[in-house]
Amino acid sequence: MIVKKIIYSTQFVKELRKLPKEIIAVAIQKEDIFKDNPLHQSLRLHELHGKFKGIWSISFTSAYRIIFERMKNGDILFISIGKHDIYKYL
């Protein structure tokens, strides 16, 4: 997987702003790792299944994750950020 460009959905930006500053700092660090090496072991990258097929998740702490979609042109669309229950709101 190659990361050409990351695009942020409106939902993602709203959710990010609500997170504690410490969590935002970790998310930014993990995003940098993702840009350089999306397969980095610390991200625990995996594709979702069932009705979420085609959607991917990376974990940036034991409790928080980023949900994204790989676009056909190679861009990455960050859809949502939050605790594990963010899957309920997709």
N, C-alpha and C. Protein backbone atom coordinates (compact mmCIF):
# COMPACT_ATOMS: atom_id res chain seq x y z
N MET A 1 0.85 -1.18 0.00
CA MET A 1 0.00 0.00 0.00
C MET A 1 0.89 1.24 0.00
N ILE A 2 0.60 2.14 -0.91
CA ILE A 2 1.34 3.40 -1.00
C ILE A 2 0.37 4.53 -0.65
N VAL A 3 0.83 5.44 0.19
CA VAL A 3 0.01 6.59 0.59
C VAL A 3 0.45 7.78 -0.24
N LYS A 4 -0.39 8.19 -1.19
CA LYS A 4 -0.08 9.35 -2.02
C LYS A 4 -0.47 10.63 -1.28
N LYS A 5 -1.71 10.66 -0.81
CA LYS A 5 -2.25 11.86 -0.19
C LYS A 5 -3.34 11.43 0.80
N ILE A 6 -3.42 12.12 1.94
CA ILE A 6 -4.48 11.84 2.90
C ILE A 6 -5.49 12.99 2.86
N ILE A 7 -6.75 12.60 2.73
CA ILE A 7 -7.86 13.55 2.72
C ILE A 7 -8.66 13.28 4.00
N TYR A 8 -9.16 14.33 4.63
CA TYR A 8 -9.88 14.21 5.89
C TYR A 8 -11.35 14.55 5.69
N SER A 9 -12.23 13.60 6.04
CA SER A 9 -13.66 13.88 5.94
C SER A 9 -14.06 14.90 7.01
N THR A 10 -15.18 15.56 6.79
CA THR A 10 -15.71 16.51 7.77
C THR A 10 -15.94 15.81 9.11
N GLN A 11 -16.47 14.60 9.06
CA GLN A 11 -16.72 13.82 10.27
C GLN A 11 -15.42 13.57 11.02
N PHE A 12 -14.37 13.19 10.31
CA PHE A 12 -13.07 12.94 10.93
C PHE A 12 -12.57 14.18 11.66
N VAL A 13 -12.64 15.32 11.00
CA VAL A 13 -12.14 16.57 11.60
C VAL A 13 -12.93 16.91 12.87
N LYS A 14 -14.24 16.76 12.83
CA LYS A 14 -15.07 17.04 14.00
C LYS A 14 -14.71 16.11 15.16
N GLU A 15 -14.55 14.83 14.86
CA GLU A 15 -14.21 13.86 15.91
C GLU A 15 -12.81 14.12 16.47
N LEU A 16 -11.87 14.46 15.60
CA LEU A 16 -10.51 14.74 16.04
C LEU A 16 -10.48 15.90 17.02
N ARG A 17 -11.21 16.94 16.75
CA ARG A 17 -11.23 18.13 17.61
C ARG A 17 -11.77 17.84 19.01
N LYS A 18 -12.57 16.80 19.15
CA LYS A 18 -13.15 16.45 20.45
C LYS A 18 -12.22 15.58 21.31
N LEU A 19 -11.15 15.07 20.72
CA LEU A 19 -10.25 14.18 21.46
C LEU A 19 -9.36 14.96 22.41
N PRO A 20 -8.89 14.31 23.49
CA PRO A 20 -7.91 14.95 24.38
C PRO A 20 -6.63 15.28 23.62
N LYS A 21 -5.97 16.35 24.04
CA LYS A 21 -4.75 16.82 23.35
C LYS A 21 -3.69 15.73 23.28
N GLU A 22 -3.56 14.93 24.33
CA GLU A 22 -2.54 13.86 24.34
C GLU A 22 -2.83 12.82 23.26
N ILE A 23 -4.11 12.52 23.07
CA ILE A 23 -4.51 11.53 22.06
C ILE A 23 -4.29 12.11 20.66
N ILE A 24 -4.59 13.39 20.49
CA ILE A 24 -4.35 14.03 19.19
C ILE A 24 -2.87 13.98 18.85
N ALA A 25 -2.01 14.23 19.82
CA ALA A 25 -0.55 14.19 19.58
C ALA A 25 -0.11 12.81 19.13
N VAL A 26 -0.64 11.77 19.76
CA VAL A 26 -0.29 10.40 19.36
C VAL A 26 -0.82 10.11 17.97
N ALA A 27 -2.04 10.56 17.67
CA ALA A 27 -2.64 10.34 16.35
C ALA A 27 -1.78 10.98 15.26
N ILE A 28 -1.26 12.17 15.52
CA ILE A 28 -0.41 12.85 14.54
C ILE A 28 0.88 12.07 14.32
N GLN A 29 1.47 11.57 15.39
CA GLN A 29 2.69 10.76 15.27
C GLN A 29 2.43 9.51 14.44
N LYS A 30 1.31 8.84 14.72
CA LYS A 30 1.00 7.61 13.98
C LYS A 30 0.64 7.90 12.53
N GLU A 31 0.04 9.06 12.27
CA GLU A 31 -0.24 9.43 10.88
C GLU A 31 1.06 9.60 10.11
N ASP A 32 2.06 10.19 10.75
CA ASP A 32 3.37 10.33 10.10
C ASP A 32 3.98 8.98 9.78
N ILE A 33 3.86 8.04 10.72
CA ILE A 33 4.35 6.67 10.48
C ILE A 33 3.58 6.06 9.32
N PHE A 34 2.27 6.24 9.31
CA PHE A 34 1.42 5.70 8.25
C PHE A 34 1.82 6.23 6.88
N LYS A 35 2.13 7.53 6.81
CA LYS A 35 2.55 8.12 5.54
C LYS A 35 3.86 7.50 5.04
N ASP A 36 4.79 7.28 5.96
CA ASP A 36 6.10 6.72 5.60
C ASP A 36 6.05 5.22 5.35
N ASN A 37 5.28 4.51 6.18
CA ASN A 37 5.23 3.06 6.09
C ASN A 37 3.87 2.57 6.57
N PRO A 38 2.87 2.53 5.68
CA PRO A 38 1.52 2.14 6.10
C PRO A 38 1.43 0.72 6.65
N LEU A 39 2.43 -0.08 6.41
CA LEU A 39 2.42 -1.45 6.92
C LEU A 39 3.19 -1.60 8.22
N HIS A 40 3.59 -0.49 8.81
CA HIS A 40 4.36 -0.54 10.06
C HIS A 40 3.57 -1.33 11.11
N GLN A 41 4.26 -2.21 11.78
CA GLN A 41 3.64 -3.14 12.73
C GLN A 41 2.87 -2.41 13.84
N SER A 42 3.33 -1.26 14.27
CA SER A 42 2.68 -0.55 15.37
C SER A 42 1.29 -0.05 15.03
N LEU A 43 0.96 0.02 13.75
CA LEU A 43 -0.35 0.53 13.33
C LEU A 43 -1.45 -0.53 13.37
N ARG A 44 -1.06 -1.79 13.39
CA ARG A 44 -2.02 -2.90 13.39
C ARG A 44 -3.08 -2.72 12.29
N LEU A 45 -2.61 -2.41 11.10
CA LEU A 45 -3.46 -2.19 9.93
C LEU A 45 -4.25 -3.45 9.61
N HIS A 46 -5.54 -3.28 9.36
CA HIS A 46 -6.34 -4.41 8.90
C HIS A 46 -7.58 -3.92 8.15
N GLU A 47 -8.01 -4.74 7.21
CA GLU A 47 -9.22 -4.43 6.47
C GLU A 47 -10.41 -4.95 7.27
N LEU A 48 -11.49 -4.18 7.25
CA LEU A 48 -12.70 -4.60 7.95
C LEU A 48 -13.47 -5.59 7.08
N HIS A 49 -14.44 -6.26 7.68
CA HIS A 49 -15.17 -7.31 6.98
C HIS A 49 -16.67 -7.01 6.98
N GLY A 50 -17.40 -7.87 6.32
CA GLY A 50 -18.85 -7.75 6.28
C GLY A 50 -19.30 -6.49 5.58
N LYS A 51 -20.21 -5.76 6.21
CA LYS A 51 -20.74 -4.55 5.57
C LYS A 51 -19.69 -3.46 5.46
N PHE A 52 -18.55 -3.61 6.13
CA PHE A 52 -17.47 -2.63 6.07
C PHE A 52 -16.35 -3.04 5.11
N LYS A 53 -16.59 -4.03 4.27
CA LYS A 53 -15.57 -4.47 3.32
C LYS A 53 -15.12 -3.28 2.48
N GLY A 54 -13.81 -3.13 2.31
CA GLY A 54 -13.26 -2.01 1.57
C GLY A 54 -12.84 -0.86 2.47
N ILE A 55 -13.16 -0.96 3.75
CA ILE A 55 -12.78 0.04 4.75
C ILE A 55 -11.65 -0.57 5.58
N TRP A 56 -10.70 0.27 5.98
CA TRP A 56 -9.52 -0.18 6.71
C TRP A 56 -9.45 0.51 8.06
N SER A 57 -8.69 -0.09 8.97
CA SER A 57 -8.51 0.48 10.30
C SER A 57 -7.04 0.43 10.68
N ILE A 58 -6.58 1.50 11.34
CA ILE A 58 -5.28 1.47 12.00
C ILE A 58 -5.50 1.86 13.45
N SER A 59 -4.76 1.23 14.33
CA SER A 59 -4.85 1.55 15.76
C SER A 59 -3.66 2.42 16.12
N PHE A 60 -3.94 3.50 16.86
CA PHE A 60 -2.81 4.34 17.26
C PHE A 60 -2.62 4.35 18.77
N THR A 61 -3.54 3.73 19.52
CA THR A 61 -3.35 3.36 20.92
C THR A 61 -4.13 2.07 21.09
N SER A 62 -4.13 1.53 22.29
CA SER A 62 -4.90 0.30 22.50
C SER A 62 -6.41 0.56 22.40
N ALA A 63 -6.83 1.80 22.59
CA ALA A 63 -8.26 2.12 22.58
C ALA A 63 -8.72 2.91 21.36
N TYR A 64 -7.82 3.62 20.69
CA TYR A 64 -8.22 4.53 19.62
C TYR A 64 -7.77 4.03 18.25
N ARG A 65 -8.60 4.35 17.25
CA ARG A 65 -8.28 3.93 15.88
C ARG A 65 -8.75 4.97 14.88
N ILE A 66 -8.20 4.84 13.69
CA ILE A 66 -8.60 5.65 12.55
C ILE A 66 -9.19 4.71 11.51
N ILE A 67 -10.33 5.06 10.99
CA ILE A 67 -10.99 4.28 9.94
C ILE A 67 -10.81 5.04 8.63
N PHE A 68 -10.39 4.33 7.59
CA PHE A 68 -10.15 5.01 6.31
C PHE A 68 -10.52 4.13 5.13
N GLU A 69 -10.59 4.79 3.99
CA GLU A 69 -10.88 4.11 2.72
C GLU A 69 -9.78 4.44 1.74
N ARG A 70 -9.36 3.45 0.99
CA ARG A 70 -8.38 3.66 -0.08
C ARG A 70 -9.15 4.04 -1.34
N MET A 71 -8.87 5.21 -1.87
CA MET A 71 -9.55 5.69 -3.06
C MET A 71 -8.91 5.07 -4.30
N LYS A 72 -9.64 5.04 -5.39
CA LYS A 72 -9.14 4.44 -6.63
C LYS A 72 -7.90 5.14 -7.16
N ASN A 73 -7.77 6.45 -6.88
CA ASN A 73 -6.62 7.20 -7.39
C ASN A 73 -5.39 7.08 -6.48
N GLY A 74 -5.50 6.30 -5.41
CA GLY A 74 -4.38 6.10 -4.50
C GLY A 74 -4.42 6.97 -3.26
N ASP A 75 -5.31 7.95 -3.23
CA ASP A 75 -5.45 8.78 -2.04
C ASP A 75 -6.09 7.97 -0.92
N ILE A 76 -5.89 8.43 0.30
CA ILE A 76 -6.48 7.81 1.48
C ILE A 76 -7.49 8.80 2.06
N LEU A 77 -8.70 8.34 2.32
CA LEU A 77 -9.73 9.17 2.93
C LEU A 77 -9.91 8.74 4.37
N PHE A 78 -9.46 9.58 5.31
CA PHE A 78 -9.70 9.32 6.73
C PHE A 78 -11.16 9.64 7.00
N ILE A 79 -11.92 8.63 7.40
CA ILE A 79 -13.37 8.74 7.58
C ILE A 79 -13.74 9.09 9.01
N SER A 80 -13.11 8.39 9.96
CA SER A 80 -13.51 8.52 11.35
C SER A 80 -12.33 8.25 12.26
N ILE A 81 -12.37 8.83 13.47
CA ILE A 81 -11.35 8.62 14.48
C ILE A 81 -12.03 8.53 15.84
N GLY A 82 -11.60 7.60 16.66
CA GLY A 82 -12.18 7.47 17.99
C GLY A 82 -11.91 6.11 18.58
N LYS A 83 -12.67 5.82 19.63
CA LYS A 83 -12.53 4.53 20.29
C LYS A 83 -13.16 3.45 19.42
N HIS A 84 -13.01 2.20 19.86
CA HIS A 84 -13.43 1.05 19.06
C HIS A 84 -14.89 1.13 18.61
N ASP A 85 -15.75 1.79 19.39
CA ASP A 85 -17.16 1.84 19.03
C ASP A 85 -17.47 2.77 17.86
N ILE A 86 -16.45 3.38 17.25
CA ILE A 86 -16.70 4.24 16.09
C ILE A 86 -17.29 3.44 14.93
N TYR A 87 -17.11 2.12 14.95
CA TYR A 87 -17.67 1.30 13.89
C TYR A 87 -19.20 1.43 13.86
N LYS A 88 -19.80 1.68 15.00
CA LYS A 88 -21.26 1.80 15.09
C LYS A 88 -21.78 2.99 14.30
N TYR A 89 -20.92 3.98 14.08
CA TYR A 89 -21.37 5.23 13.47
C TYR A 89 -20.98 5.36 12.00
N LEU A 90 -20.47 4.30 11.41
CA LEU A 90 -20.10 4.36 9.99
C LEU A 90 -21.30 4.12 9.11
